[in-house]
Amino acid sequence: MSAPPGAPGAVSAVAGVGAVVVSYNSGPYLRVCLASLASAGVERVVVADNGSTDGSAAVASEAGASWLPTGSN
């Protein structure tokens, strides 16, 4: 029998969940998106970027996300 949600020992609804976020010059939106994923307990985030020039890489790095440059948009 498992613990009820929120009880000590309960498994989070997003345990083991990762996310891939596709980005192109979306720095301000990316910051909000990554913060939301982190607050939801998502364990690993990869930002696949299509050649952003707006500092999105720094935003991803600050949030602890992995950065995957895919080339131009």
C-alpha atoms as a PDB file:
ATOM      1  CA  MET A   1       0.000   0.000   0.000  1.00  0.00           C
ATOM      2  CA  SER A   2       1.400   3.406  -0.931  1.00  0.00           C
ATOM      3  CA  ALA A   3       1.272   6.608   1.083  1.00  0.00           C
ATOM      4  CA  PRO A   4      -1.417   9.148   0.224  1.00  0.00           C
ATOM      5  CA  PRO A   5      -0.314  12.124  -1.918  1.00  0.00           C
ATOM      6  CA  GLY A   6       1.563  14.704   0.140  1.00  0.00           C
ATOM      7  CA  ALA A   7       2.297  12.290   2.985  1.00  0.00           C
ATOM      8  CA  PRO A   8       5.873  11.469   3.974  1.00  0.00           C
ATOM      9  CA  GLY A   9       7.131   8.771   1.647  1.00  0.00           C
ATOM     10  CA  ALA A  10       4.593   9.623  -1.064  1.00  0.00           C
ATOM     11  CA  VAL A  11       5.872   9.497  -4.607  1.00  0.00           C
ATOM     12  CA  SER A  12       5.578  12.753  -6.512  1.00  0.00           C
ATOM     13  CA  ALA A  13       3.292  12.744  -9.532  1.00  0.00           C
ATOM     14  CA  VAL A  14       6.243  13.835 -11.674  1.00  0.00           C
ATOM     15  CA  ALA A  15       8.941  11.564 -10.251  1.00  0.00           C
ATOM     16  CA  GLY A  16      11.275  10.553 -13.026  1.00  0.00           C
ATOM     17  CA  VAL A  17       9.797  13.065 -15.464  1.00  0.00           C
ATOM     18  CA  GLY A  18      11.990  15.056 -17.814  1.00  0.00           C
ATOM     19  CA  ALA A  19      11.104  17.669 -20.398  1.00  0.00           C
ATOM     20  CA  VAL A  20      12.447  18.897 -23.717  1.00  0.00           C
ATOM     21  CA  VAL A  21      11.750  22.546 -24.483  1.00  0.00           C
ATOM     22  CA  VAL A  22      12.257  23.826 -28.037  1.00  0.00           C
ATOM     23  CA  SER A  23      13.460  27.414 -28.127  1.00  0.00           C
ATOM     24  CA  TYR A  24      14.255  30.174 -30.609  1.00  0.00           C
ATOM     25  CA  ASN A  25      14.922  33.658 -29.214  1.00  0.00           C
ATOM     26  CA  SER A  26      12.524  33.047 -26.353  1.00  0.00           C
ATOM     27  CA  GLY A  27      14.673  34.142 -23.401  1.00  0.00           C
ATOM     28  CA  PRO A  28      12.010  35.922 -21.292  1.00  0.00           C
ATOM     29  CA  TYR A  29       9.450  33.169 -21.903  1.00  0.00           C
ATOM     30  CA  LEU A  30      12.072  30.476 -21.403  1.00  0.00           C
ATOM     31  CA  ARG A  31      12.893  31.828 -17.946  1.00  0.00           C
ATOM     32  CA  VAL A  32       9.229  31.531 -16.880  1.00  0.00           C
ATOM     33  CA  CYS A  33       8.845  28.109 -18.504  1.00  0.00           C
ATOM     34  CA  LEU A  34      11.922  26.647 -16.808  1.00  0.00           C
ATOM     35  CA  ALA A  35      10.916  28.062 -13.424  1.00  0.00           C
ATOM     36  CA  SER A  36       7.479  26.501 -13.814  1.00  0.00           C
ATOM     37  CA  LEU A  37       8.950  23.111 -14.698  1.00  0.00           C
ATOM     38  CA  ALA A  38      11.292  23.288 -11.708  1.00  0.00           C
ATOM     39  CA  SER A  39       8.466  24.196  -9.322  1.00  0.00           C
ATOM     40  CA  ALA A  40       6.474  21.242 -10.652  1.00  0.00           C
ATOM     41  CA  GLY A  41       9.344  18.932  -9.708  1.00  0.00           C
ATOM     42  CA  VAL A  42      10.485  18.023 -13.217  1.00  0.00           C
ATOM     43  CA  GLU A  43      13.850  16.358 -12.705  1.00  0.00           C
ATOM     44  CA  ARG A  44      15.658  17.032 -15.980  1.00  0.00           C
ATOM     45  CA  VAL A  45      15.124  19.651 -18.662  1.00  0.00           C
ATOM     46  CA  VAL A  46      16.836  19.844 -22.032  1.00  0.00           C
ATOM     47  CA  VAL A  47      16.491  23.038 -24.064  1.00  0.00           C
ATOM     48  CA  ALA A  48      16.802  22.284 -27.780  1.00  0.00           C
ATOM     49  CA  ASP A  49      17.699  25.619 -29.336  1.00  0.00           C
ATOM     50  CA  ASN A  50      17.358  26.627 -32.972  1.00  0.00           C
ATOM     51  CA  GLY A  51      20.089  29.290 -33.130  1.00  0.00           C
ATOM     52  CA  SER A  52      18.910  31.864 -30.598  1.00  0.00           C
ATOM     53  CA  THR A  53      20.838  35.121 -30.332  1.00  0.00           C
ATOM     54  CA  ASP A  54      18.978  36.603 -27.346  1.00  0.00           C
ATOM     55  CA  GLY A  55      20.860  35.016 -24.443  1.00  0.00           C
ATOM     56  CA  SER A  56      18.605  31.976 -24.153  1.00  0.00           C
ATOM     57  CA  ALA A  57      21.668  29.792 -23.492  1.00  0.00           C
ATOM     58  CA  ALA A  58      22.478  31.797 -20.363  1.00  0.00           C
ATOM     59  CA  VAL A  59      18.855  31.554 -19.197  1.00  0.00           C
ATOM     60  CA  ALA A  60      18.928  27.776 -19.591  1.00  0.00           C
ATOM     61  CA  SER A  61      22.258  27.520 -17.807  1.00  0.00           C
ATOM     62  CA  GLU A  62      21.083  29.670 -14.886  1.00  0.00           C
ATOM     63  CA  ALA A  63      18.044  27.400 -14.518  1.00  0.00           C
ATOM     64  CA  GLY A  64      20.176  24.250 -14.518  1.00  0.00           C
ATOM     65  CA  ALA A  65      18.816  22.977 -17.825  1.00  0.00           C
ATOM     66  CA  SER A  66      20.937  21.136 -20.383  1.00  0.00           C
ATOM     67  CA  TRP A  67      21.565  23.082 -23.601  1.00  0.00           C
ATOM     68  CA  LEU A  68      21.308  21.375 -26.980  1.00  0.00           C
ATOM     69  CA  PRO A  69      22.080  23.708 -29.890  1.00  0.00           C
ATOM     70  CA  THR A  70      20.467  22.367 -33.051  1.00  0.00           C
ATOM     71  CA  GLY A  71      21.681  24.991 -35.536  1.00  0.00           C
ATOM     72  CA  SER A  72      19.661  27.614 -37.337  1.00  0.00           C
ATOM     73  CA  ASN A  73      15.909  28.035 -37.203  1.00  0.00           C
END
